[in-house]
C-alpha atoms as a PDB file:
ATOM      1  CA  MET A   1      -2.411 -38.907 -23.191  1.00  0.00           C
ATOM      2  CA  ARG A   2      -1.191 -36.085 -20.967  1.00  0.00           C
ATOM      3  CA  LYS A   3      -3.899 -36.789 -18.348  1.00  0.00           C
ATOM      4  CA  PHE A   4      -2.901 -40.474 -18.278  1.00  0.00           C
ATOM      5  CA  ILE A   5       0.734 -39.570 -17.600  1.00  0.00           C
ATOM      6  CA  ILE A   6      -0.232 -37.229 -14.762  1.00  0.00           C
ATOM      7  CA  ILE A   7      -2.360 -39.918 -13.140  1.00  0.00           C
ATOM      8  CA  ILE A   8       0.486 -42.431 -13.359  1.00  0.00           C
ATOM      9  CA  LEU A   9       2.891 -39.947 -11.765  1.00  0.00           C
ATOM     10  CA  LEU A  10       0.466 -39.217  -8.950  1.00  0.00           C
ATOM     11  CA  ILE A  11      -0.032 -42.901  -8.243  1.00  0.00           C
ATOM     12  CA  SER A  12       3.719 -43.390  -8.323  1.00  0.00           C
ATOM     13  CA  ALA A  13       4.232 -40.510  -5.892  1.00  0.00           C
ATOM     14  CA  MET A  14       1.573 -41.917  -3.590  1.00  0.00           C
ATOM     15  CA  SER A  15       3.240 -45.332  -3.675  1.00  0.00           C
ATOM     16  CA  VAL A  16       6.636 -43.862  -2.828  1.00  0.00           C
ATOM     17  CA  SER A  17       5.138 -41.808   0.008  1.00  0.00           C
ATOM     18  CA  SER A  18       3.370 -44.873   1.371  1.00  0.00           C
ATOM     19  CA  TYR A  19       6.615 -46.851   1.220  1.00  0.00           C
ATOM     20  CA  PHE A  20       8.583 -44.235   3.147  1.00  0.00           C
ATOM     21  CA  LEU A  21       5.757 -43.843   5.671  1.00  0.00           C
ATOM     22  CA  TYR A  22       5.699 -47.625   6.217  1.00  0.00           C
ATOM     23  CA  ARG A  23       9.499 -47.736   6.514  1.00  0.00           C
ATOM     24  CA  ASN A  24       9.566 -44.888   9.043  1.00  0.00           C
ATOM     25  CA  ILE A  25       6.851 -46.510  11.147  1.00  0.00           C
ATOM     26  CA  SER A  26       8.746 -49.812  11.064  1.00  0.00           C
ATOM     27  CA  GLU A  27      12.001 -48.122  12.091  1.00  0.00           C
ATOM     28  CA  ASP A  28      10.221 -46.281  14.909  1.00  0.00           C
ATOM     29  CA  LYS A  29       8.900 -49.575  16.266  1.00  0.00           C
ATOM     30  CA  ILE A  30      12.340 -51.187  16.053  1.00  0.00           C
ATOM     31  CA  GLN A  31      14.045 -48.338  17.914  1.00  0.00           C
ATOM     32  CA  GLU A  32      11.329 -48.133  20.555  1.00  0.00           C
ATOM     33  CA  LYS A  33      11.778 -51.867  21.122  1.00  0.00           C
ATOM     34  CA  VAL A  34      15.561 -51.432  21.536  1.00  0.00           C
ATOM     35  CA  PHE A  35      15.154 -48.643  24.095  1.00  0.00           C
ATOM     36  CA  ASN A  36      12.450 -50.539  25.977  1.00  0.00           C
ATOM     37  CA  GLU A  37      14.753 -53.556  26.221  1.00  0.00           C
ATOM     38  CA  LEU A  38      17.519 -51.346  27.632  1.00  0.00           C
ATOM     39  CA  VAL A  39      15.154 -49.838  30.191  1.00  0.00           C
ATOM     40  CA  THR A  40      14.261 -53.353  31.330  1.00  0.00           C
ATOM     41  CA  ILE A  41      17.927 -54.317  31.655  1.00  0.00           C
ATOM     42  CA  VAL A  42      18.999 -51.311  33.713  1.00  0.00           C
ATOM     43  CA  SER A  43      15.976 -51.482  35.975  1.00  0.00           C
ATOM     44  CA  GLU A  44      16.582 -55.074  37.028  1.00  0.00           C
ATOM     45  CA  THR A  45      19.355 -54.471  39.531  1.00  0.00           C
ATOM     46  CA  ASN A  46      19.886 -56.733  42.509  1.00  0.00           C
ATOM     47  CA  ASN A  47      22.754 -54.703  43.932  1.00  0.00           C
ATOM     48  CA  GLU A  48      21.520 -53.257  47.226  1.00  0.00           C
ATOM     49  CA  ASP A  49      24.662 -51.127  47.552  1.00  0.00           C
ATOM     50  CA  TYR A  50      24.047 -49.317  44.305  1.00  0.00           C
ATOM     51  CA  GLN A  51      23.433 -46.000  46.074  1.00  0.00           C
ATOM     52  CA  LYS A  52      19.667 -46.397  45.720  1.00  0.00           C
ATOM     53  CA  ASN A  53      20.138 -45.984  41.989  1.00  0.00           C
ATOM     54  CA  GLU A  54      17.251 -46.842  39.689  1.00  0.00           C
ATOM     55  CA  VAL A  55      19.581 -47.457  36.755  1.00  0.00           C
ATOM     56  CA  ASP A  56      22.331 -50.064  36.651  1.00  0.00           C
ATOM     57  CA  ILE A  57      24.847 -48.725  34.116  1.00  0.00           C
ATOM     58  CA  LEU A  58      27.260 -51.578  34.823  1.00  0.00           C
ATOM     59  CA  LYS A  59      24.921 -54.097  33.201  1.00  0.00           C
ATOM     60  CA  LEU A  60      24.839 -52.130  29.974  1.00  0.00           C
ATOM     61  CA  GLN A  61      28.599 -51.554  29.976  1.00  0.00           C
ATOM     62  CA  GLU A  62      28.955 -55.319  29.678  1.00  0.00           C
ATOM     63  CA  LYS A  63      27.101 -55.090  26.365  1.00  0.00           C
ATOM     64  CA  ASN A  64      28.629 -51.842  25.090  1.00  0.00           C
ATOM     65  CA  SER A  65      31.489 -50.074  26.858  1.00  0.00           C
ATOM     66  CA  ASP A  66      30.644 -46.799  25.067  1.00  0.00           C
ATOM     67  CA  ILE A  67      27.769 -46.099  27.429  1.00  0.00           C
ATOM     68  CA  ILE A  68      28.746 -43.459  29.950  1.00  0.00           C
ATOM     69  CA  GLY A  69      25.448 -42.676  31.613  1.00  0.00           C
ATOM     70  CA  TRP A  70      21.669 -42.578  31.508  1.00  0.00           C
ATOM     71  CA  VAL A  71      19.475 -39.480  31.273  1.00  0.00           C
ATOM     72  CA  LYS A  72      15.984 -39.499  32.711  1.00  0.00           C
ATOM     73  CA  ILE A  73      13.245 -36.961  33.397  1.00  0.00           C
ATOM     74  CA  LYS A  74      10.560 -38.409  35.607  1.00  0.00           C
ATOM     75  CA  ASN A  75       7.048 -38.661  34.125  1.00  0.00           C
ATOM     76  CA  THR A  76       8.275 -38.017  30.578  1.00  0.00           C
ATOM     77  CA  SER A  77       9.397 -40.264  27.723  1.00  0.00           C
ATOM     78  CA  ILE A  78      13.018 -39.167  28.211  1.00  0.00           C
ATOM     79  CA  ASN A  79      14.637 -42.293  29.613  1.00  0.00           C
ATOM     80  CA  TYR A  80      17.695 -43.078  27.494  1.00  0.00           C
ATOM     81  CA  PRO A  81      21.297 -44.264  27.554  1.00  0.00           C
ATOM     82  CA  VAL A  82      24.013 -41.697  26.903  1.00  0.00           C
ATOM     83  CA  MET A  83      27.016 -42.783  24.842  1.00  0.00           C
ATOM     84  CA  TYR A  84      30.523 -41.313  24.626  1.00  0.00           C
ATOM     85  CA  THR A  85      33.075 -41.759  21.846  1.00  0.00           C
ATOM     86  CA  LYS A  86      35.725 -39.070  22.191  1.00  0.00           C
ATOM     87  CA  ASP A  87      37.783 -40.355  19.251  1.00  0.00           C
ATOM     88  CA  ARG A  88      34.713 -40.891  17.039  1.00  0.00           C
ATOM     89  CA  PRO A  89      32.597 -37.717  17.324  1.00  0.00           C
ATOM     90  CA  ASN A  90      28.933 -38.132  16.348  1.00  0.00           C
ATOM     91  CA  PHE A  91      29.310 -41.906  15.980  1.00  0.00           C
ATOM     92  CA  TYR A  92      25.883 -42.467  17.566  1.00  0.00           C
ATOM     93  CA  LEU A  93      24.165 -39.821  15.479  1.00  0.00           C
ATOM     94  CA  ARG A  94      22.760 -42.636  13.330  1.00  0.00           C
ATOM     95  CA  LYS A  95      23.589 -45.702  15.403  1.00  0.00           C
ATOM     96  CA  ASN A  96      21.565 -47.510  18.035  1.00  0.00           C
ATOM     97  CA  PHE A  97      22.981 -48.904  21.264  1.00  0.00           C
ATOM     98  CA  TYR A  98      24.156 -52.015  19.429  1.00  0.00           C
ATOM     99  CA  LYS A  99      26.026 -49.945  16.812  1.00  0.00           C
ATOM    100  CA  GLU A 100      23.519 -50.765  14.083  1.00  0.00           C
ATOM    101  CA  TYR A 101      22.185 -48.103  11.699  1.00  0.00           C
ATOM    102  CA  SER A 102      19.296 -46.162  13.172  1.00  0.00           C
ATOM    103  CA  VAL A 103      17.519 -42.992  12.043  1.00  0.00           C
ATOM    104  CA  TRP A 104      16.845 -42.246  15.711  1.00  0.00           C
ATOM    105  CA  GLY A 105      20.450 -42.673  16.761  1.00  0.00           C
ATOM    106  CA  THR A 106      21.272 -42.725  20.480  1.00  0.00           C
ATOM    107  CA  PRO A 107      21.854 -39.738  22.789  1.00  0.00           C
ATOM    108  CA  TYR A 108      25.555 -39.052  23.219  1.00  0.00           C
ATOM    109  CA  LEU A 109      27.870 -36.760  25.147  1.00  0.00           C
ATOM    110  CA  SER A 110      29.901 -34.180  23.237  1.00  0.00           C
ATOM    111  CA  GLU A 111      33.467 -35.323  22.627  1.00  0.00           C
ATOM    112  CA  ASN A 112      34.664 -32.045  24.190  1.00  0.00           C
ATOM    113  CA  CYS A 113      33.169 -32.899  27.564  1.00  0.00           C
ATOM    114  CA  ASN A 114      34.627 -34.846  30.447  1.00  0.00           C
ATOM    115  CA  ILE A 115      31.996 -36.448  32.622  1.00  0.00           C
ATOM    116  CA  ASN A 116      34.084 -35.970  35.767  1.00  0.00           C
ATOM    117  CA  THR A 117      35.591 -32.501  35.294  1.00  0.00           C
ATOM    118  CA  SER A 118      33.533 -30.433  32.845  1.00  0.00           C
ATOM    119  CA  ASP A 119      31.353 -27.625  34.180  1.00  0.00           C
ATOM    120  CA  ASN A 120      28.822 -28.271  31.428  1.00  0.00           C
ATOM    121  CA  LEU A 121      27.834 -31.603  29.922  1.00  0.00           C
ATOM    122  CA  ILE A 122      26.330 -31.349  26.434  1.00  0.00           C
ATOM    123  CA  ILE A 123      24.129 -34.270  25.406  1.00  0.00           C
ATOM    124  CA  TYR A 124      22.979 -34.517  21.803  1.00  0.00           C
ATOM    125  CA  GLY A 125      19.831 -36.314  20.676  1.00  0.00           C
ATOM    126  CA  HIS A 126      17.403 -36.228  17.771  1.00  0.00           C
ATOM    127  CA  HIS A 127      14.099 -34.392  17.766  1.00  0.00           C
ATOM    128  CA  ILE A 128      11.663 -37.110  16.671  1.00  0.00           C
ATOM    129  CA  ASN A 129       8.063 -36.258  15.796  1.00  0.00           C
ATOM    130  CA  GLY A 130       5.410 -37.321  18.248  1.00  0.00           C
ATOM    131  CA  HIS A 131       7.457 -36.127  21.236  1.00  0.00           C
ATOM    132  CA  LYS A 132       9.816 -39.077  20.896  1.00  0.00           C
ATOM    133  CA  MET A 133      13.493 -38.994  21.827  1.00  0.00           C
ATOM    134  CA  PHE A 134      14.390 -35.361  22.581  1.00  0.00           C
ATOM    135  CA  GLY A 135      11.232 -34.197  20.810  1.00  0.00           C
ATOM    136  CA  GLU A 136       9.680 -34.354  24.279  1.00  0.00           C
ATOM    137  CA  LEU A 137      11.714 -31.263  25.195  1.00  0.00           C
ATOM    138  CA  GLU A 138       9.337 -29.180  23.047  1.00  0.00           C
ATOM    139  CA  LYS A 139       6.893 -29.365  25.947  1.00  0.00           C
ATOM    140  CA  TYR A 140       9.209 -27.169  28.007  1.00  0.00           C
ATOM    141  CA  LYS A 141       8.009 -24.191  25.990  1.00  0.00           C
ATOM    142  CA  ASN A 142       5.038 -24.319  28.338  1.00  0.00           C
ATOM    143  CA  ILE A 143       5.931 -23.034  31.791  1.00  0.00           C
ATOM    144  CA  SER A 144       3.435 -25.336  33.493  1.00  0.00           C
ATOM    145  CA  PHE A 145       5.279 -28.342  32.066  1.00  0.00           C
ATOM    146  CA  PHE A 146       8.549 -26.937  33.369  1.00  0.00           C
ATOM    147  CA  GLU A 147       7.102 -26.450  36.834  1.00  0.00           C
ATOM    148  CA  ASN A 148       6.242 -30.147  37.005  1.00  0.00           C
ATOM    149  CA  HIS A 149       9.469 -31.430  35.427  1.00  0.00           C
ATOM    150  CA  LYS A 150      12.279 -29.269  36.794  1.00  0.00           C
ATOM    151  CA  ILE A 151      14.747 -32.045  37.556  1.00  0.00           C
ATOM    152  CA  ILE A 152      16.946 -33.923  35.084  1.00  0.00           C
ATOM    153  CA  ALA A 153      18.486 -37.097  36.484  1.00  0.00           C
ATOM    154  CA  PHE A 154      21.816 -38.275  35.086  1.00  0.00           C
ATOM    155  CA  TYR A 155      23.035 -41.673  36.202  1.00  0.00           C
ATOM    156  CA  THR A 156      26.612 -42.868  35.879  1.00  0.00           C
ATOM    157  CA  ALA A 157      28.220 -46.110  37.024  1.00  0.00           C
ATOM    158  CA  GLU A 158      29.322 -44.331  40.210  1.00  0.00           C
ATOM    159  CA  GLU A 159      26.469 -42.020  41.165  1.00  0.00           C
ATOM    160  CA  LEU A 160      23.223 -40.246  40.458  1.00  0.00           C
ATOM    161  CA  LYS A 161      23.444 -36.535  39.670  1.00  0.00           C
ATOM    162  CA  GLU A 162      20.364 -34.324  39.607  1.00  0.00           C
ATOM    163  CA  TYR A 163      20.213 -31.046  37.720  1.00  0.00           C
ATOM    164  CA  THR A 164      17.634 -28.283  38.148  1.00  0.00           C
ATOM    165  CA  ILE A 165      16.646 -26.537  34.914  1.00  0.00           C
ATOM    166  CA  PHE A 166      17.329 -22.787  35.006  1.00  0.00           C
ATOM    167  CA  ALA A 167      16.606 -21.753  31.394  1.00  0.00           C
ATOM    168  CA  VAL A 168      14.635 -23.073  28.421  1.00  0.00           C
ATOM    169  CA  PHE A 169      15.406 -21.803  24.925  1.00  0.00           C
ATOM    170  CA  THR A 170      15.996 -22.800  21.316  1.00  0.00           C
ATOM    171  CA  THR A 171      18.994 -21.876  19.192  1.00  0.00           C
ATOM    172  CA  THR A 172      20.852 -22.897  16.047  1.00  0.00           C
ATOM    173  CA  VAL A 173      24.402 -24.127  15.662  1.00  0.00           C
ATOM    174  CA  SER A 174      25.310 -21.998  12.642  1.00  0.00           C
ATOM    175  CA  ASN A 175      24.334 -18.484  13.721  1.00  0.00           C
ATOM    176  CA  GLY A 176      22.792 -18.875  17.164  1.00  0.00           C
ATOM    177  CA  PHE A 177      24.146 -18.906  20.691  1.00  0.00           C
ATOM    178  CA  GLN A 178      27.418 -20.849  20.747  1.00  0.00           C
ATOM    179  CA  TYR A 179      26.631 -22.739  23.942  1.00  0.00           C
ATOM    180  CA  TYR A 180      29.076 -25.495  22.985  1.00  0.00           C
ATOM    181  CA  LYS A 181      32.018 -23.167  23.672  1.00  0.00           C
ATOM    182  CA  PHE A 182      31.148 -23.037  27.369  1.00  0.00           C
ATOM    183  CA  ILE A 183      32.382 -26.393  28.628  1.00  0.00           C
ATOM    184  CA  ASN A 184      34.722 -25.222  31.377  1.00  0.00           C
ATOM    185  CA  PHE A 185      34.498 -21.738  32.867  1.00  0.00           C
ATOM    186  CA  ILE A 186      37.822 -19.934  33.109  1.00  0.00           C
ATOM    187  CA  ASN A 187      36.524 -17.438  35.651  1.00  0.00           C
ATOM    188  CA  GLU A 188      33.402 -15.884  37.126  1.00  0.00           C
ATOM    189  CA  ASP A 189      33.006 -13.422  34.227  1.00  0.00           C
ATOM    190  CA  GLU A 190      32.785 -16.238  31.704  1.00  0.00           C
ATOM    191  CA  PHE A 191      30.310 -18.056  33.932  1.00  0.00           C
ATOM    192  CA  ASN A 192      28.120 -14.946  34.171  1.00  0.00           C
ATOM    193  CA  THR A 193      28.293 -14.417  30.408  1.00  0.00           C
ATOM    194  CA  PHE A 194      26.938 -17.911  29.852  1.00  0.00           C
ATOM    195  CA  ILE A 195      24.228 -17.670  32.502  1.00  0.00           C
ATOM    196  CA  ASN A 196      23.079 -14.216  31.367  1.00  0.00           C
ATOM    197  CA  LYS A 197      22.818 -15.320  27.737  1.00  0.00           C
ATOM    198  CA  CYS A 198      20.807 -18.411  28.634  1.00  0.00           C
ATOM    199  CA  THR A 199      18.497 -16.318  30.816  1.00  0.00           C
ATOM    200  CA  GLU A 200      18.095 -13.727  28.060  1.00  0.00           C
ATOM    201  CA  LEU A 201      17.056 -16.391  25.540  1.00  0.00           C
ATOM    202  CA  SER A 202      14.793 -18.302  27.935  1.00  0.00           C
ATOM    203  CA  PHE A 203      11.088 -18.498  27.110  1.00  0.00           C
ATOM    204  CA  TYR A 204      10.259 -17.529  30.692  1.00  0.00           C
ATOM    205  CA  ASP A 205      11.813 -16.730  34.041  1.00  0.00           C
ATOM    206  CA  THR A 206      12.390 -19.951  35.973  1.00  0.00           C
ATOM    207  CA  LYS A 207      13.202 -18.022  39.171  1.00  0.00           C
ATOM    208  CA  GLU A 208      16.385 -20.066  39.551  1.00  0.00           C
ATOM    209  CA  ASN A 209      19.425 -18.068  40.705  1.00  0.00           C
ATOM    210  CA  LEU A 210      22.852 -19.485  39.973  1.00  0.00           C
ATOM    211  CA  LYS A 211      26.096 -18.448  41.651  1.00  0.00           C
ATOM    212  CA  TYR A 212      29.658 -19.048  40.600  1.00  0.00           C
ATOM    213  CA  ARG A 213      31.585 -21.516  42.711  1.00  0.00           C
ATOM    214  CA  ARG A 214      35.132 -22.737  42.302  1.00  0.00           C
END
């Protein structure tokens, strides 16, 4: 009798695991479809005066005014909208672009940042297995990947901004480096504190030298 019960439990566990695996695969396909549709929309711009931009944010703002930009790293899977809800922090943690529930969520800008005035812009996104979403950033642990993908493009409705990566590291929110406290630098000392800490934690030396400017 005991062996029969164990077998039933194992079959039950296998069924539950199969169900969750199927559900996760289905959700992955749904979210990939949503993002692919958005990529198609923003790439189909007919505005010749759009500052040679590859991404038309204005089209997406007609569908959801929460979108504030688009982050893209050439020759990677990172090609996503960036949302901003100052009065509803973390709203897109589990929401897709259309505000429907999504395990993937949608990349979003920290509510403490101002896209026009902040020295640092913090964009949050999930680490999804299979190098999906911001899981692709894992590849930056390899210096050769960094050397071929140094530039992060950030599109807004007004312009394209390009950022050169100067440090690559991992940290935790609870007891790690409190990077989120460095949004606006009060002075050069605070700037240097931030830069030195990032450089100290970096997996390798990127050879990028940053100087304080105000």
